[in-house]
Amino acid sequence: MTRIKVCGLCDGRDLDLALSSGVDAVGFVVEIAGSRHRLSAEEAASLIVSVPVFVQSVAVIQPSSVHDALSLAELTGADVLQVQGSLGPLEIAALRSQVSAKVIAAVDPAYPQATDFASCADALLVDTLHAGMLGGSGRVHDWQASARLARQIPIPLILAGGLNVGNVAAAVRAVRPYAVDVSSGVEQDGRKDPKLVREFVEAVRLCR
């Protein structure tokens, strides 16, 4: 069964509606400048402490160094660190060797060296590269590129980028990812919408 992460949670309301919808993981954007979902490490930690034991908490980070990532890992206490393209494979490997959290490397599926991260991360998250930024655009990328990458790597692939209630079933059928990741696709007027979150989860659960 394809797992589900809802990302960009900003407060207790967002967290409660995600958890009540039965998601597998919840994501918090930590200290990433320019993100409208940005939380401080302390704000993220105050929400992460309320995440139930059977749901994974994910800190989405863009550290400038391994040291920076280690600091964010300690401050947030997240189960998983999702690194948004700011560290190379060797740095991801160094980070992974020093934390108890799992480490996800976010990559552009069309990047020729994307497979290099497969030997150093616990999972790859594929997202849309737009205006030099990885993720956060709400835009769909080439799912066939993601499907090819999924076949090439021995670790889980998480599909992100422009997913919503209307297209997630087709995306799952095309890519066969380990998990899907949604943020703006379940928002209305810039806030997480309970109905859209529930419908997204239902659409994924019904996929075959």
N, C-alpha and C. Protein backbone atom coordinates (compact mmCIF):
# COMPACT_ATOMS: atom_id res chain seq x y z
N MET A 1 0.83 -1.19 0.00
CA MET A 1 0.00 0.00 0.00
C MET A 1 0.88 1.26 0.00
N THR A 2 0.54 2.20 -0.86
CA THR A 2 1.29 3.44 -0.95
C THR A 2 1.09 4.29 0.29
N ARG A 3 2.16 4.72 0.89
CA ARG A 3 2.09 5.53 2.09
C ARG A 3 1.89 7.00 1.73
N ILE A 4 1.44 7.76 2.73
CA ILE A 4 1.04 9.15 2.49
C ILE A 4 1.68 10.08 3.51
N LYS A 5 2.30 11.14 2.99
CA LYS A 5 2.82 12.22 3.85
C LYS A 5 2.14 13.52 3.47
N VAL A 6 1.63 14.23 4.45
CA VAL A 6 1.13 15.58 4.25
C VAL A 6 2.18 16.54 4.81
N CYS A 7 2.64 17.44 3.97
CA CYS A 7 3.75 18.33 4.34
C CYS A 7 3.26 19.77 4.48
N GLY A 8 4.12 20.60 5.05
CA GLY A 8 3.80 22.01 5.20
C GLY A 8 2.79 22.29 6.29
N LEU A 9 2.80 21.47 7.34
CA LEU A 9 1.90 21.72 8.47
C LEU A 9 2.46 22.87 9.29
N CYS A 10 1.57 23.78 9.69
CA CYS A 10 2.03 25.02 10.33
C CYS A 10 1.61 25.19 11.78
N ASP A 11 0.61 24.43 12.22
CA ASP A 11 0.14 24.61 13.59
C ASP A 11 -0.61 23.36 14.05
N GLY A 12 -1.14 23.42 15.27
CA GLY A 12 -1.84 22.28 15.83
C GLY A 12 -3.07 21.89 15.05
N ARG A 13 -3.75 22.87 14.46
CA ARG A 13 -4.93 22.56 13.64
C ARG A 13 -4.54 21.71 12.45
N ASP A 14 -3.51 22.13 11.75
CA ASP A 14 -3.04 21.36 10.59
C ASP A 14 -2.65 19.94 10.99
N LEU A 15 -1.93 19.83 12.09
CA LEU A 15 -1.48 18.52 12.55
C LEU A 15 -2.66 17.63 12.90
N ASP A 16 -3.65 18.17 13.60
CA ASP A 16 -4.81 17.38 14.01
C ASP A 16 -5.58 16.86 12.80
N LEU A 17 -5.78 17.71 11.80
CA LEU A 17 -6.58 17.26 10.64
C LEU A 17 -5.81 16.23 9.82
N ALA A 18 -4.49 16.36 9.76
CA ALA A 18 -3.70 15.36 9.04
C ALA A 18 -3.76 14.02 9.76
N LEU A 19 -3.59 14.05 11.08
CA LEU A 19 -3.61 12.80 11.85
C LEU A 19 -4.98 12.15 11.80
N SER A 20 -6.04 12.94 11.88
CA SER A 20 -7.39 12.37 11.87
C SER A 20 -7.75 11.77 10.52
N SER A 21 -7.02 12.16 9.47
CA SER A 21 -7.27 11.62 8.13
C SER A 21 -6.53 10.31 7.88
N GLY A 22 -5.67 9.92 8.81
CA GLY A 22 -5.00 8.62 8.70
C GLY A 22 -3.74 8.61 7.88
N VAL A 23 -3.01 9.73 7.84
CA VAL A 23 -1.76 9.76 7.08
C VAL A 23 -0.67 8.98 7.80
N ASP A 24 0.36 8.63 7.07
CA ASP A 24 1.47 7.85 7.62
C ASP A 24 2.61 8.73 8.13
N ALA A 25 2.71 9.94 7.60
CA ALA A 25 3.80 10.84 7.98
C ALA A 25 3.32 12.28 7.87
N VAL A 26 3.90 13.13 8.72
CA VAL A 26 3.56 14.55 8.71
C VAL A 26 4.85 15.35 8.59
N GLY A 27 4.83 16.38 7.73
CA GLY A 27 6.04 17.12 7.44
C GLY A 27 5.98 18.58 7.87
N PHE A 28 7.12 19.07 8.36
CA PHE A 28 7.24 20.44 8.85
C PHE A 28 8.44 21.10 8.17
N VAL A 29 8.20 22.22 7.52
CA VAL A 29 9.27 22.95 6.84
C VAL A 29 10.02 23.78 7.88
N VAL A 30 11.28 23.45 8.09
CA VAL A 30 12.03 24.03 9.21
C VAL A 30 13.14 24.95 8.70
N GLU A 31 13.03 26.22 9.04
CA GLU A 31 14.09 27.20 8.79
C GLU A 31 14.48 27.32 7.31
N ILE A 32 13.51 27.14 6.40
CA ILE A 32 13.80 27.33 4.97
C ILE A 32 13.28 28.71 4.56
N ALA A 33 14.19 29.61 4.28
CA ALA A 33 13.82 30.98 3.93
C ALA A 33 12.97 31.01 2.67
N GLY A 34 11.93 31.84 2.69
CA GLY A 34 11.09 32.01 1.52
C GLY A 34 9.90 31.08 1.45
N SER A 35 9.85 30.06 2.30
CA SER A 35 8.71 29.16 2.31
C SER A 35 7.59 29.74 3.16
N ARG A 36 6.39 29.76 2.61
CA ARG A 36 5.27 30.27 3.40
C ARG A 36 4.86 29.31 4.51
N HIS A 37 5.40 28.09 4.48
CA HIS A 37 5.12 27.12 5.53
C HIS A 37 6.24 27.07 6.57
N ARG A 38 7.17 28.00 6.48
CA ARG A 38 8.36 27.97 7.32
C ARG A 38 8.02 28.05 8.81
N LEU A 39 8.66 27.15 9.57
CA LEU A 39 8.60 27.17 11.03
C LEU A 39 10.02 27.30 11.57
N SER A 40 10.15 27.86 12.74
CA SER A 40 11.44 27.80 13.43
C SER A 40 11.63 26.38 13.94
N ALA A 41 12.86 26.03 14.26
CA ALA A 41 13.12 24.70 14.81
C ALA A 41 12.34 24.48 16.09
N GLU A 42 12.21 25.52 16.89
CA GLU A 42 11.47 25.41 18.15
C GLU A 42 9.98 25.20 17.91
N GLU A 43 9.42 25.91 16.93
CA GLU A 43 8.00 25.73 16.60
C GLU A 43 7.74 24.32 16.09
N ALA A 44 8.62 23.83 15.24
CA ALA A 44 8.47 22.46 14.73
C ALA A 44 8.55 21.46 15.87
N ALA A 45 9.50 21.64 16.78
CA ALA A 45 9.66 20.71 17.90
C ALA A 45 8.42 20.66 18.77
N SER A 46 7.75 21.80 18.94
CA SER A 46 6.56 21.83 19.79
C SER A 46 5.40 21.06 19.18
N LEU A 47 5.39 20.92 17.85
CA LEU A 47 4.37 20.12 17.17
C LEU A 47 4.79 18.66 17.09
N ILE A 48 6.06 18.42 16.82
CA ILE A 48 6.56 17.06 16.66
C ILE A 48 6.36 16.24 17.93
N VAL A 49 6.46 16.87 19.08
CA VAL A 49 6.30 16.14 20.34
C VAL A 49 4.90 15.55 20.48
N SER A 50 3.94 16.08 19.72
CA SER A 50 2.55 15.60 19.78
C SER A 50 2.23 14.54 18.73
N VAL A 51 3.19 14.20 17.88
CA VAL A 51 2.95 13.21 16.83
C VAL A 51 2.95 11.81 17.44
N PRO A 52 1.90 11.02 17.19
CA PRO A 52 1.82 9.67 17.78
C PRO A 52 2.97 8.77 17.33
N VAL A 53 3.23 7.75 18.12
CA VAL A 53 4.39 6.90 17.90
C VAL A 53 4.33 6.15 16.57
N PHE A 54 3.14 5.85 16.06
CA PHE A 54 3.03 5.10 14.82
C PHE A 54 2.94 5.98 13.58
N VAL A 55 3.12 7.29 13.74
CA VAL A 55 3.18 8.23 12.62
C VAL A 55 4.56 8.87 12.61
N GLN A 56 5.18 8.96 11.44
CA GLN A 56 6.52 9.53 11.36
C GLN A 56 6.48 11.05 11.22
N SER A 57 7.32 11.71 11.98
CA SER A 57 7.48 13.16 11.86
C SER A 57 8.69 13.45 10.98
N VAL A 58 8.51 14.38 10.04
CA VAL A 58 9.56 14.68 9.06
C VAL A 58 9.91 16.16 9.13
N ALA A 59 11.17 16.46 9.37
CA ALA A 59 11.66 17.84 9.30
C ALA A 59 12.24 18.07 7.92
N VAL A 60 11.63 18.98 7.17
CA VAL A 60 12.09 19.32 5.83
C VAL A 60 13.08 20.47 5.98
N ILE A 61 14.33 20.21 5.62
CA ILE A 61 15.40 21.17 5.90
C ILE A 61 16.24 21.45 4.66
N GLN A 62 16.92 22.57 4.68
CA GLN A 62 17.84 22.94 3.60
C GLN A 62 19.14 23.45 4.23
N PRO A 63 19.86 22.56 4.90
CA PRO A 63 21.03 22.98 5.67
C PRO A 63 22.19 23.39 4.78
N SER A 64 23.00 24.29 5.29
CA SER A 64 24.17 24.73 4.55
C SER A 64 25.36 23.80 4.75
N SER A 65 25.25 22.93 5.75
CA SER A 65 26.35 22.01 6.06
C SER A 65 25.81 20.83 6.86
N VAL A 66 26.63 19.81 7.01
CA VAL A 66 26.26 18.67 7.85
C VAL A 66 26.07 19.14 9.29
N HIS A 67 26.92 20.03 9.75
CA HIS A 67 26.81 20.55 11.11
C HIS A 67 25.46 21.24 11.32
N ASP A 68 25.04 22.02 10.34
CA ASP A 68 23.74 22.69 10.40
C ASP A 68 22.62 21.66 10.47
N ALA A 69 22.70 20.62 9.67
CA ALA A 69 21.68 19.56 9.68
C ALA A 69 21.64 18.84 11.02
N LEU A 70 22.79 18.57 11.60
CA LEU A 70 22.84 17.91 12.90
C LEU A 70 22.18 18.76 13.97
N SER A 71 22.40 20.05 13.90
CA SER A 71 21.78 20.97 14.86
C SER A 71 20.26 20.95 14.73
N LEU A 72 19.75 20.98 13.50
CA LEU A 72 18.31 20.95 13.28
C LEU A 72 17.71 19.61 13.71
N ALA A 73 18.44 18.53 13.50
CA ALA A 73 17.98 17.22 13.94
C ALA A 73 17.80 17.20 15.45
N GLU A 74 18.78 17.75 16.15
CA GLU A 74 18.72 17.75 17.62
C GLU A 74 17.61 18.67 18.13
N LEU A 75 17.47 19.84 17.51
CA LEU A 75 16.49 20.81 17.98
C LEU A 75 15.05 20.35 17.74
N THR A 76 14.80 19.68 16.61
CA THR A 76 13.43 19.28 16.28
C THR A 76 13.03 17.94 16.86
N GLY A 77 13.96 17.01 16.96
CA GLY A 77 13.62 15.67 17.42
C GLY A 77 12.80 14.87 16.42
N ALA A 78 12.89 15.23 15.14
CA ALA A 78 12.10 14.55 14.11
C ALA A 78 12.59 13.13 13.87
N ASP A 79 11.65 12.27 13.47
CA ASP A 79 11.99 10.88 13.13
C ASP A 79 12.79 10.80 11.83
N VAL A 80 12.52 11.75 10.93
CA VAL A 80 13.10 11.74 9.59
C VAL A 80 13.57 13.14 9.23
N LEU A 81 14.73 13.23 8.58
CA LEU A 81 15.22 14.48 8.02
C LEU A 81 15.10 14.41 6.50
N GLN A 82 14.39 15.36 5.90
CA GLN A 82 14.28 15.43 4.45
C GLN A 82 15.12 16.61 3.98
N VAL A 83 16.22 16.31 3.29
CA VAL A 83 17.18 17.34 2.89
C VAL A 83 16.86 17.80 1.47
N GLN A 84 16.55 19.09 1.34
CA GLN A 84 16.06 19.64 0.08
C GLN A 84 17.19 20.11 -0.85
N GLY A 85 18.02 19.18 -1.28
CA GLY A 85 18.96 19.47 -2.36
C GLY A 85 20.17 20.30 -2.01
N SER A 86 20.40 20.59 -0.72
CA SER A 86 21.52 21.46 -0.36
C SER A 86 22.79 20.71 0.01
N LEU A 87 22.72 19.39 0.14
CA LEU A 87 23.89 18.57 0.47
C LEU A 87 24.12 17.53 -0.61
N GLY A 88 25.38 17.25 -0.91
CA GLY A 88 25.72 16.22 -1.88
C GLY A 88 25.73 14.84 -1.27
N PRO A 89 25.95 13.81 -2.09
CA PRO A 89 25.93 12.43 -1.59
C PRO A 89 26.88 12.17 -0.43
N LEU A 90 28.10 12.69 -0.49
CA LEU A 90 29.05 12.45 0.59
C LEU A 90 28.58 13.09 1.89
N GLU A 91 27.98 14.27 1.78
CA GLU A 91 27.46 14.95 2.97
C GLU A 91 26.23 14.23 3.53
N ILE A 92 25.39 13.73 2.64
CA ILE A 92 24.23 12.95 3.10
C ILE A 92 24.71 11.71 3.84
N ALA A 93 25.72 11.05 3.32
CA ALA A 93 26.27 9.86 3.98
C ALA A 93 26.83 10.21 5.35
N ALA A 94 27.54 11.33 5.44
CA ALA A 94 28.10 11.76 6.72
C ALA A 94 26.99 12.08 7.72
N LEU A 95 25.95 12.75 7.26
CA LEU A 95 24.81 13.06 8.13
C LEU A 95 24.15 11.79 8.63
N ARG A 96 23.90 10.89 7.72
CA ARG A 96 23.20 9.64 8.06
C ARG A 96 23.97 8.83 9.10
N SER A 97 25.30 8.91 9.06
CA SER A 97 26.12 8.14 10.00
C SER A 97 26.11 8.73 11.40
N GLN A 98 25.59 9.96 11.53
CA GLN A 98 25.67 10.65 12.82
C GLN A 98 24.32 10.92 13.48
N VAL A 99 23.24 10.49 12.85
CA VAL A 99 21.91 10.72 13.43
C VAL A 99 21.15 9.41 13.55
N SER A 100 20.24 9.38 14.50
CA SER A 100 19.36 8.21 14.62
C SER A 100 18.17 8.33 13.68
N ALA A 101 17.87 9.55 13.23
CA ALA A 101 16.77 9.77 12.30
C ALA A 101 17.10 9.17 10.93
N LYS A 102 16.06 8.77 10.21
CA LYS A 102 16.22 8.40 8.82
C LYS A 102 16.50 9.66 7.99
N VAL A 103 17.16 9.49 6.86
CA VAL A 103 17.52 10.64 6.02
C VAL A 103 16.97 10.43 4.61
N ILE A 104 16.15 11.38 4.16
CA ILE A 104 15.61 11.38 2.81
C ILE A 104 16.34 12.46 2.01
N ALA A 105 16.80 12.12 0.82
CA ALA A 105 17.41 13.10 -0.07
C ALA A 105 16.40 13.48 -1.15
N ALA A 106 16.10 14.76 -1.25
CA ALA A 106 15.19 15.24 -2.29
C ALA A 106 15.99 15.54 -3.56
N VAL A 107 15.51 15.04 -4.69
CA VAL A 107 16.23 15.18 -5.95
C VAL A 107 15.27 15.51 -7.09
N ASP A 108 15.83 16.09 -8.12
CA ASP A 108 15.13 16.26 -9.39
C ASP A 108 15.27 14.94 -10.16
N PRO A 109 14.17 14.29 -10.54
CA PRO A 109 14.28 12.98 -11.19
C PRO A 109 15.03 13.01 -12.52
N ALA A 110 15.13 14.19 -13.13
CA ALA A 110 15.86 14.30 -14.40
C ALA A 110 17.35 14.55 -14.20
N TYR A 111 17.77 14.75 -12.96
CA TYR A 111 19.19 15.00 -12.68
C TYR A 111 19.99 13.72 -12.94
N PRO A 112 21.00 13.78 -13.82
CA PRO A 112 21.72 12.55 -14.21
C PRO A 112 22.36 11.81 -13.04
N GLN A 113 22.77 12.54 -12.00
CA GLN A 113 23.43 11.89 -10.86
C GLN A 113 22.48 11.58 -9.71
N ALA A 114 21.18 11.60 -9.97
CA ALA A 114 20.22 11.35 -8.90
C ALA A 114 20.44 10.00 -8.24
N THR A 115 20.86 9.02 -9.03
CA THR A 115 21.07 7.67 -8.48
C THR A 115 22.24 7.63 -7.50
N ASP A 116 23.12 8.63 -7.54
CA ASP A 116 24.26 8.65 -6.61
C ASP A 116 23.80 8.72 -5.16
N PHE A 117 22.62 9.28 -4.94
CA PHE A 117 22.11 9.42 -3.57
C PHE A 117 21.54 8.10 -3.04
N ALA A 118 21.32 7.15 -3.92
CA ALA A 118 20.69 5.89 -3.50
C ALA A 118 21.56 5.07 -2.57
N SER A 119 22.87 5.30 -2.61
CA SER A 119 23.77 4.53 -1.75
C SER A 119 24.00 5.18 -0.40
N CYS A 120 23.48 6.39 -0.21
CA CYS A 120 23.77 7.11 1.04
C CYS A 120 22.54 7.57 1.80
N ALA A 121 21.37 7.54 1.18
CA ALA A 121 20.14 7.97 1.85
C ALA A 121 19.25 6.76 2.14
N ASP A 122 18.29 6.97 3.03
CA ASP A 122 17.33 5.91 3.33
C ASP A 122 16.20 5.87 2.31
N ALA A 123 15.96 7.00 1.64
CA ALA A 123 14.94 7.08 0.59
C ALA A 123 15.23 8.31 -0.26
N LEU A 124 14.70 8.30 -1.49
CA LEU A 124 14.77 9.48 -2.35
C LEU A 124 13.38 10.06 -2.50
N LEU A 125 13.28 11.37 -2.43
CA LEU A 125 12.04 12.06 -2.73
C LEU A 125 12.25 12.82 -4.03
N VAL A 126 11.40 12.57 -5.01
CA VAL A 126 11.51 13.26 -6.29
C VAL A 126 10.50 14.39 -6.34
N ASP A 127 10.99 15.56 -6.71
CA ASP A 127 10.15 16.75 -6.72
C ASP A 127 10.48 17.58 -7.94
N THR A 128 9.69 18.63 -8.16
CA THR A 128 9.83 19.47 -9.34
C THR A 128 10.86 20.56 -9.11
N LEU A 129 11.82 20.67 -10.02
CA LEU A 129 12.78 21.77 -9.99
C LEU A 129 12.19 22.94 -10.76
N HIS A 130 12.03 24.09 -10.08
CA HIS A 130 11.43 25.26 -10.72
C HIS A 130 12.14 26.52 -10.22
N ALA A 131 12.57 27.35 -11.15
CA ALA A 131 13.27 28.60 -10.82
C ALA A 131 14.45 28.36 -9.88
N GLY A 132 15.13 27.24 -10.12
CA GLY A 132 16.32 26.92 -9.34
C GLY A 132 16.05 26.36 -7.97
N MET A 133 14.78 26.17 -7.62
CA MET A 133 14.41 25.66 -6.30
C MET A 133 13.78 24.28 -6.46
N LEU A 134 14.12 23.38 -5.53
CA LEU A 134 13.57 22.03 -5.56
C LEU A 134 12.39 21.96 -4.61
N GLY A 135 11.20 21.74 -5.17
CA GLY A 135 10.01 21.62 -4.35
C GLY A 135 9.37 22.96 -4.06
N GLY A 136 8.14 22.88 -3.55
CA GLY A 136 7.43 24.08 -3.13
C GLY A 136 6.71 24.82 -4.23
N SER A 137 6.81 24.33 -5.47
CA SER A 137 6.20 25.05 -6.59
C SER A 137 4.77 24.62 -6.86
N GLY A 138 4.39 23.44 -6.38
CA GLY A 138 3.07 22.91 -6.69
C GLY A 138 2.93 22.47 -8.13
N ARG A 139 4.04 22.29 -8.82
CA ARG A 139 4.03 21.90 -10.23
C ARG A 139 4.35 20.42 -10.40
N VAL A 140 3.70 19.81 -11.37
CA VAL A 140 3.93 18.40 -11.71
C VAL A 140 5.19 18.30 -12.56
N HIS A 141 5.95 17.22 -12.36
CA HIS A 141 7.10 16.96 -13.23
C HIS A 141 6.82 15.71 -14.07
N ASP A 142 7.82 15.25 -14.78
CA ASP A 142 7.68 14.09 -15.67
C ASP A 142 7.63 12.81 -14.84
N TRP A 143 6.46 12.23 -14.71
CA TRP A 143 6.31 11.02 -13.90
C TRP A 143 7.07 9.84 -14.49
N GLN A 144 7.25 9.83 -15.81
CA GLN A 144 8.00 8.73 -16.41
C GLN A 144 9.46 8.75 -15.97
N ALA A 145 10.01 9.96 -15.80
CA ALA A 145 11.38 10.06 -15.28
C ALA A 145 11.45 9.51 -13.86
N SER A 146 10.42 9.79 -13.08
CA SER A 146 10.38 9.26 -11.71
C SER A 146 10.23 7.74 -11.72
N ALA A 147 9.42 7.24 -12.63
CA ALA A 147 9.24 5.78 -12.72
C ALA A 147 10.54 5.09 -13.10
N ARG A 148 11.29 5.69 -14.03
CA ARG A 148 12.58 5.11 -14.41
C ARG A 148 13.55 5.11 -13.23
N LEU A 149 13.57 6.21 -12.49
CA LEU A 149 14.45 6.30 -11.33
C LEU A 149 14.06 5.27 -10.28
N ALA A 150 12.76 5.09 -10.07
CA ALA A 150 12.29 4.10 -9.08
C ALA A 150 12.78 2.70 -9.42
N ARG A 151 12.84 2.40 -10.72
CA ARG A 151 13.30 1.07 -11.13
C ARG A 151 14.82 0.91 -10.97
N GLN A 152 15.53 2.02 -10.94
CA GLN A 152 17.00 1.98 -10.91
C GLN A 152 17.58 1.92 -9.50
N ILE A 153 16.80 2.28 -8.50
CA ILE A 153 17.36 2.41 -7.16
C ILE A 153 16.85 1.30 -6.24
N PRO A 154 17.66 0.90 -5.25
CA PRO A 154 17.27 -0.17 -4.34
C PRO A 154 16.58 0.32 -3.07
N ILE A 155 16.32 1.63 -3.00
CA ILE A 155 15.70 2.20 -1.80
C ILE A 155 14.35 2.80 -2.17
N PRO A 156 13.50 3.10 -1.18
CA PRO A 156 12.17 3.64 -1.48
C PRO A 156 12.21 4.98 -2.21
N LEU A 157 11.24 5.18 -3.10
CA LEU A 157 11.08 6.45 -3.80
C LEU A 157 9.76 7.09 -3.37
N ILE A 158 9.84 8.34 -3.01
CA ILE A 158 8.67 9.11 -2.58
C ILE A 158 8.37 10.14 -3.66
N LEU A 159 7.13 10.19 -4.10
CA LEU A 159 6.74 11.07 -5.21
C LEU A 159 6.09 12.34 -4.67
N ALA A 160 6.62 13.48 -5.09
CA ALA A 160 6.06 14.79 -4.73
C ALA A 160 5.98 15.65 -5.98
N GLY A 161 5.39 16.83 -5.82
CA GLY A 161 5.36 17.77 -6.93
C GLY A 161 4.01 17.86 -7.60
N GLY A 162 3.19 18.82 -7.20
CA GLY A 162 1.93 19.09 -7.88
C GLY A 162 0.85 18.04 -7.71
N LEU A 163 0.96 17.19 -6.71
CA LEU A 163 -0.06 16.15 -6.52
C LEU A 163 -1.31 16.75 -5.87
N ASN A 164 -2.46 16.22 -6.27
CA ASN A 164 -3.74 16.65 -5.69
C ASN A 164 -4.75 15.52 -5.81
N VAL A 165 -5.96 15.77 -5.35
CA VAL A 165 -7.00 14.74 -5.37
C VAL A 165 -7.26 14.24 -6.79
N GLY A 166 -7.19 15.14 -7.77
CA GLY A 166 -7.54 14.78 -9.13
C GLY A 166 -6.49 13.98 -9.87
N ASN A 167 -5.22 14.06 -9.46
CA ASN A 167 -4.18 13.38 -10.24
C ASN A 167 -3.39 12.33 -9.49
N VAL A 168 -3.59 12.19 -8.18
CA VAL A 168 -2.72 11.31 -7.42
C VAL A 168 -2.88 9.84 -7.80
N ALA A 169 -4.09 9.41 -8.15
CA ALA A 169 -4.27 8.01 -8.53
C ALA A 169 -3.48 7.70 -9.80
N ALA A 170 -3.54 8.59 -10.78
CA ALA A 170 -2.78 8.39 -12.01
C ALA A 170 -1.28 8.41 -11.73
N ALA A 171 -0.85 9.27 -10.83
CA ALA A 171 0.57 9.35 -10.47
C ALA A 171 1.05 8.05 -9.84
N VAL A 172 0.26 7.51 -8.93
CA VAL A 172 0.63 6.25 -8.27
C VAL A 172 0.70 5.12 -9.28
N ARG A 173 -0.25 5.07 -10.20
CA ARG A 173 -0.24 4.01 -11.21
C ARG A 173 0.97 4.14 -12.14
N ALA A 174 1.36 5.38 -12.44
CA ALA A 174 2.47 5.60 -13.37
C ALA A 174 3.83 5.31 -12.74
N VAL A 175 3.99 5.67 -11.48
CA VAL A 175 5.32 5.62 -10.84
C VAL A 175 5.48 4.44 -9.91
N ARG A 176 4.39 4.01 -9.28
CA ARG A 176 4.44 2.95 -8.26
C ARG A 176 5.42 3.33 -7.14
N PRO A 177 5.22 4.50 -6.54
CA PRO A 177 6.14 4.95 -5.50
C PRO A 177 5.89 4.25 -4.17
N TYR A 178 6.87 4.30 -3.31
CA TYR A 178 6.71 3.82 -1.93
C TYR A 178 5.71 4.71 -1.19
N ALA A 179 5.76 6.01 -1.48
CA ALA A 179 4.89 6.97 -0.80
C ALA A 179 4.66 8.18 -1.69
N VAL A 180 3.61 8.93 -1.36
CA VAL A 180 3.34 10.21 -2.02
C VAL A 180 3.38 11.31 -0.98
N ASP A 181 3.71 12.51 -1.44
CA ASP A 181 3.90 13.66 -0.55
C ASP A 181 3.09 14.82 -1.12
N VAL A 182 2.23 15.41 -0.30
CA VAL A 182 1.37 16.49 -0.77
C VAL A 182 1.44 17.66 0.21
N SER A 183 1.33 18.87 -0.34
CA SER A 183 1.27 20.06 0.50
C SER A 183 0.21 21.01 -0.04
N SER A 184 0.57 21.82 -1.04
CA SER A 184 -0.38 22.81 -1.56
C SER A 184 -1.57 22.16 -2.24
N GLY A 185 -1.43 20.91 -2.67
CA GLY A 185 -2.53 20.21 -3.34
C GLY A 185 -3.71 19.89 -2.45
N VAL A 186 -3.55 20.06 -1.14
CA VAL A 186 -4.68 19.85 -0.22
C VAL A 186 -4.95 21.14 0.56
N GLU A 187 -4.70 22.27 -0.10
CA GLU A 187 -4.94 23.56 0.55
C GLU A 187 -6.03 24.34 -0.17
N GLN A 188 -6.72 25.15 0.60
CA GLN A 188 -7.72 26.08 0.08
C GLN A 188 -7.41 27.44 0.71
N ASP A 189 -7.20 28.44 -0.13
CA ASP A 189 -6.86 29.78 0.37
C ASP A 189 -5.63 29.74 1.28
N GLY A 190 -4.66 28.92 0.91
CA GLY A 190 -3.40 28.89 1.63
C GLY A 190 -3.38 28.11 2.92
N ARG A 191 -4.47 27.43 3.26
CA ARG A 191 -4.51 26.63 4.49
C ARG A 191 -4.90 25.20 4.16
N LYS A 192 -4.42 24.25 4.94
CA LYS A 192 -4.81 22.86 4.75
C LYS A 192 -6.32 22.73 4.92
N ASP A 193 -6.95 22.06 3.97
CA ASP A 193 -8.41 21.92 3.96
C ASP A 193 -8.78 20.51 4.38
N PRO A 194 -9.58 20.34 5.44
CA PRO A 194 -9.91 19.00 5.94
C PRO A 194 -10.52 18.09 4.88
N LYS A 195 -11.42 18.63 4.07
CA LYS A 195 -12.08 17.83 3.04
C LYS A 195 -11.07 17.37 1.99
N LEU A 196 -10.21 18.26 1.55
CA LEU A 196 -9.22 17.89 0.53
C LEU A 196 -8.22 16.87 1.06
N VAL A 197 -7.82 17.01 2.33
CA VAL A 197 -6.90 16.03 2.91
C VAL A 197 -7.55 14.66 2.96
N ARG A 198 -8.80 14.60 3.42
CA ARG A 198 -9.51 13.31 3.50
C ARG A 198 -9.67 12.69 2.12
N GLU A 199 -10.04 13.51 1.14
CA GLU A 199 -10.25 12.99 -0.22
C GLU A 199 -8.94 12.51 -0.84
N PHE A 200 -7.85 13.21 -0.55
CA PHE A 200 -6.54 12.80 -1.06
C PHE A 200 -6.16 11.44 -0.47
N VAL A 201 -6.31 11.30 0.83
CA VAL A 201 -5.98 10.03 1.49
C VAL A 201 -6.84 8.90 0.92
N GLU A 202 -8.12 9.16 0.74
CA GLU A 202 -9.02 8.13 0.19
C GLU A 202 -8.61 7.75 -1.23
N ALA A 203 -8.24 8.73 -2.05
CA ALA A 203 -7.84 8.45 -3.43
C ALA A 203 -6.61 7.56 -3.47
N VAL A 204 -5.66 7.80 -2.58
CA VAL A 204 -4.45 6.97 -2.54
C VAL A 204 -4.78 5.57 -2.04
N ARG A 205 -5.59 5.48 -1.00
CA ARG A 205 -5.92 4.18 -0.43
C ARG A 205 -6.68 3.29 -1.42
N LEU A 206 -7.40 3.92 -2.34
CA LEU A 206 -8.17 3.15 -3.32
C LEU A 206 -7.35 2.72 -4.53
N CYS A 207 -6.11 3.21 -4.63
CA CYS A 207 -5.27 2.86 -5.77
C CYS A 207 -4.91 1.39 -5.77
N ARG A 208 -4.88 0.80 -6.93
CA ARG A 208 -4.47 -0.60 -7.09
C ARG A 208 -3.36 -0.68 -8.13
